[in-house]
């Protein structure tokens, strides 16, 4: 039997095609994409979740020469980013037991670290972030705005929600969100190759703030 069968149909906006929405107990109910009776219940959501795994792998590669005193926190961040992707894949794909916890817990831990690290550095009067180039600032701002817009557009009942389409805004949210979090990680822990030419190695975040 197809997932979500037997529930009431609803049109999200005037003129919309009346397509069934998942049962309230189904995972992914609020993410627009139609739930399927298949290995991947929401294939677009599942496959785009791998963007977080790619982001974590990218950070691990960039941080391969990071000083040992910074590596633990940085590797934890990269691992949590990859875990977000794995949990999201489980949530939108096989949807087995525990997949909701696997989806929610890494997100909470990652966002906690992403916010806590700069706050701890600020309290200790250390450098919070590496200086960002104009291009980096534009990219971070633009990607963040696009991610927020994609998240809103990808909700069930949004005017642009088409559950049966392969073009899912929630999938774009996954990809842009992964890019934003990866870029934030490069600002928190600059790799030695991010140092200006002639500067030798990147300045550690443990260095005191200069006035």
Protein backbone atom coordinates (compact mmCIF):
# COMPACT_ATOMS: atom_id res chain seq x y z
CA UNK A 1 0.00 0.00 0.00
CA UNK A 2 1.34 3.44 -0.90
CA UNK A 3 2.53 5.58 2.00
CA UNK A 4 -0.06 8.10 3.13
CA UNK A 5 -2.93 6.47 1.22
CA UNK A 6 -6.44 6.89 2.52
CA UNK A 7 -6.17 10.41 3.89
CA UNK A 8 -8.02 13.51 2.81
CA UNK A 9 -6.82 15.39 -0.23
CA UNK A 10 -6.23 19.13 -0.07
CA UNK A 11 -5.44 21.90 -2.52
CA UNK A 12 -2.68 24.19 -1.25
CA UNK A 13 -3.75 27.26 -3.24
CA UNK A 14 -6.42 28.27 -5.78
CA UNK A 15 -6.07 26.34 -9.02
CA UNK A 16 -3.63 23.82 -7.56
CA UNK A 17 -3.83 20.20 -8.54
CA UNK A 18 -5.40 18.27 -5.67
CA UNK A 19 -2.72 15.85 -4.57
CA UNK A 20 -2.75 13.74 -1.41
CA UNK A 21 -0.55 14.81 1.47
CA UNK A 22 1.16 12.33 3.81
CA UNK A 23 -0.51 11.13 6.96
CA UNK A 24 0.42 13.26 9.98
CA UNK A 25 2.47 10.38 11.38
CA UNK A 26 4.62 10.03 8.25
CA UNK A 27 8.15 11.44 8.19
CA UNK A 28 8.65 14.28 5.73
CA UNK A 29 5.02 15.40 5.91
CA UNK A 30 5.90 19.09 5.92
CA UNK A 31 8.54 18.97 3.18
CA UNK A 32 6.21 19.01 0.16
CA UNK A 33 7.66 16.05 -1.75
CA UNK A 34 5.28 13.14 -2.29
CA UNK A 35 5.94 10.12 -0.10
CA UNK A 36 6.47 6.99 -2.16
CA UNK A 37 6.26 3.32 -1.28
CA UNK A 38 9.88 2.73 -2.28
CA UNK A 39 13.37 2.37 -0.83
CA UNK A 40 13.62 6.16 -0.95
CA UNK A 41 10.32 7.59 0.25
CA UNK A 42 11.32 11.09 -0.89
CA UNK A 43 14.12 10.56 -3.42
CA UNK A 44 14.89 14.23 -4.07
CA UNK A 45 15.06 14.99 -0.37
CA UNK A 46 17.17 11.90 0.30
CA UNK A 47 19.69 12.42 -2.48
CA UNK A 48 20.16 16.16 -1.90
CA UNK A 49 20.83 15.39 1.78
CA UNK A 50 24.16 13.99 0.64
CA UNK A 51 25.24 17.59 0.09
CA UNK A 52 25.87 17.76 3.84
CA UNK A 53 28.06 14.66 3.65
CA UNK A 54 30.00 16.29 0.81
CA UNK A 55 30.35 19.46 2.85
CA UNK A 56 31.76 17.53 5.80
CA UNK A 57 34.20 15.71 3.53
CA UNK A 58 35.30 19.00 1.97
CA UNK A 59 36.04 20.47 5.40
CA UNK A 60 38.01 17.42 6.49
CA UNK A 61 40.11 17.71 3.34
CA UNK A 62 40.75 21.43 3.89
CA UNK A 63 41.64 20.88 7.53
CA UNK A 64 44.08 18.03 6.89
CA UNK A 65 47.00 20.30 7.91
CA UNK A 66 45.20 22.17 10.69
CA UNK A 67 47.26 22.55 13.91
CA UNK A 68 46.54 19.80 16.42
CA UNK A 69 45.16 22.20 19.06
CA UNK A 70 42.38 23.23 16.65
CA UNK A 71 41.74 19.87 15.05
CA UNK A 72 39.42 18.29 17.63
CA UNK A 73 36.77 21.00 17.49
CA UNK A 74 37.10 21.38 13.72
CA UNK A 75 36.86 17.66 12.99
CA UNK A 76 33.87 17.42 15.33
CA UNK A 77 32.16 20.16 13.30
CA UNK A 78 32.91 18.41 10.00
CA UNK A 79 31.73 15.08 11.40
CA UNK A 80 28.47 16.61 12.61
CA UNK A 81 27.92 18.21 9.20
CA UNK A 82 28.32 14.80 7.56
CA UNK A 83 26.06 13.24 10.21
CA UNK A 84 23.36 15.78 9.37
CA UNK A 85 23.45 14.47 5.81
CA UNK A 86 23.35 10.84 6.88
CA UNK A 87 20.44 11.50 9.23
CA UNK A 88 18.56 13.51 6.63
CA UNK A 89 19.09 10.72 4.09
CA UNK A 90 17.61 8.23 6.55
CA UNK A 91 14.72 10.60 7.28
CA UNK A 92 13.78 11.21 3.63
CA UNK A 93 14.90 7.83 2.30
CA UNK A 94 14.42 4.49 4.08
CA UNK A 95 12.60 6.13 7.02
CA UNK A 96 13.44 3.29 9.38
CA UNK A 97 13.14 3.24 13.17
CA UNK A 98 15.17 6.01 14.77
CA UNK A 99 15.46 8.04 11.57
CA UNK A 100 13.79 11.09 13.11
CA UNK A 101 16.30 11.13 15.96
CA UNK A 102 19.13 10.58 13.46
CA UNK A 103 17.78 13.61 11.56
CA UNK A 104 17.20 15.96 14.50
CA UNK A 105 20.08 15.27 16.88
CA UNK A 106 23.05 16.08 14.59
CA UNK A 107 21.34 19.30 13.49
CA UNK A 108 20.95 20.43 17.10
CA UNK A 109 24.55 19.53 17.96
CA UNK A 110 25.98 21.17 14.83
CA UNK A 111 24.09 24.43 15.29
CA UNK A 112 25.11 24.48 18.95
CA UNK A 113 28.79 24.20 18.05
CA UNK A 114 28.49 26.69 15.19
CA UNK A 115 27.10 29.28 17.61
CA UNK A 116 29.07 28.35 20.73
CA UNK A 117 32.58 28.46 19.25
CA UNK A 118 32.49 32.16 18.28
CA UNK A 119 30.77 33.07 21.55
CA UNK A 120 33.44 31.30 23.61
CA UNK A 121 36.18 33.01 21.63
CA UNK A 122 34.49 36.38 22.06
CA UNK A 123 34.24 35.86 25.81
CA UNK A 124 37.94 34.91 25.91
CA UNK A 125 38.87 37.97 23.80
CA UNK A 126 40.25 35.83 20.99
CA UNK A 127 39.78 36.30 17.30
CA UNK A 128 36.27 35.07 16.45
CA UNK A 129 36.49 34.49 12.69
CA UNK A 130 39.14 34.79 10.04
CA UNK A 131 38.80 37.96 7.96
CA UNK A 132 36.48 37.23 5.04
CA UNK A 133 37.10 38.54 1.56
CA UNK A 134 34.35 40.58 -0.14
CA UNK A 135 33.60 37.57 -2.35
CA UNK A 136 33.23 35.32 0.69
CA UNK A 137 30.91 37.79 2.40
CA UNK A 138 28.75 38.08 -0.72
CA UNK A 139 28.65 34.28 -1.12
CA UNK A 140 27.73 33.69 2.51
CA UNK A 141 25.01 36.35 2.47
CA UNK A 142 23.58 35.24 -0.86
CA UNK A 143 23.59 31.54 -0.01
CA UNK A 144 21.98 32.21 3.37
CA UNK A 145 19.20 34.24 1.75
CA UNK A 146 18.67 31.57 -0.91
CA UNK A 147 18.57 28.83 1.73
CA UNK A 148 15.93 30.66 3.78
CA UNK A 149 13.82 31.27 0.67
CA UNK A 150 14.17 27.64 -0.42
CA UNK A 151 13.15 26.41 3.02
CA UNK A 152 9.97 28.52 2.94
CA UNK A 153 9.16 27.54 -0.64
CA UNK A 154 9.69 23.87 0.12
CA UNK A 155 7.09 23.62 2.86
CA UNK A 156 3.93 21.62 2.24
CA UNK A 157 1.16 24.05 1.29
CA UNK A 158 3.52 26.69 -0.11
CA UNK A 159 2.27 28.31 -3.34
CA UNK A 160 5.09 26.68 -5.32
CA UNK A 161 4.85 23.23 -3.72
CA UNK A 162 4.34 20.48 -6.29
CA UNK A 163 4.64 17.14 -4.48
CA UNK A 164 5.19 15.09 -7.65
CA UNK A 165 7.83 17.33 -9.22
CA UNK A 166 11.51 16.41 -9.33
CA UNK A 167 12.29 20.09 -8.71
CA UNK A 168 11.84 20.33 -4.97
CA UNK A 169 12.68 23.55 -3.13
CA UNK A 170 13.42 21.51 -0.02
CA UNK A 171 16.20 19.83 -1.97
CA UNK A 172 17.63 23.26 -2.77
CA UNK A 173 17.44 24.03 0.95
CA UNK A 174 19.61 20.97 1.62
CA UNK A 175 22.26 21.99 -0.90
CA UNK A 176 22.42 25.67 0.02
CA UNK A 177 22.25 24.93 3.74
CA UNK A 178 25.19 22.55 3.40
CA UNK A 179 27.16 25.21 1.52
CA UNK A 180 26.45 27.86 4.17
CA UNK A 181 27.52 25.58 7.02
CA UNK A 182 30.67 24.49 5.20
CA UNK A 183 31.59 28.10 4.44
CA UNK A 184 30.96 29.05 8.07
CA UNK A 185 33.33 26.28 9.09
CA UNK A 186 36.11 27.71 6.93
CA UNK A 187 35.69 31.04 8.72
CA UNK A 188 35.77 29.44 12.16
CA UNK A 189 38.87 27.33 11.44
CA UNK A 190 40.93 28.79 8.60
CA UNK A 191 43.26 26.25 7.05
CA UNK A 192 46.94 27.15 6.65
CA UNK A 193 46.40 27.60 2.91
CA UNK A 194 43.89 30.39 3.69
CA UNK A 195 46.67 32.61 5.09
CA UNK A 196 47.73 35.60 2.97
CA UNK A 197 50.75 35.02 0.75
CA UNK A 198 53.94 35.47 2.73
CA UNK A 199 52.19 35.10 6.08
CA UNK A 200 53.43 31.57 6.60
CA UNK A 201 50.60 29.80 8.37
CA UNK A 202 47.09 30.89 9.12
CA UNK A 203 46.64 32.75 12.38
CA UNK A 204 45.28 30.51 15.10
CA UNK A 205 41.94 31.34 16.64
CA UNK A 206 43.76 31.03 19.97
CA UNK A 207 45.74 34.21 19.24
CA UNK A 208 44.61 37.19 21.33
CA UNK A 209 42.64 39.90 19.65
CA UNK A 210 44.87 42.81 18.61
CA UNK A 211 43.74 46.38 19.18
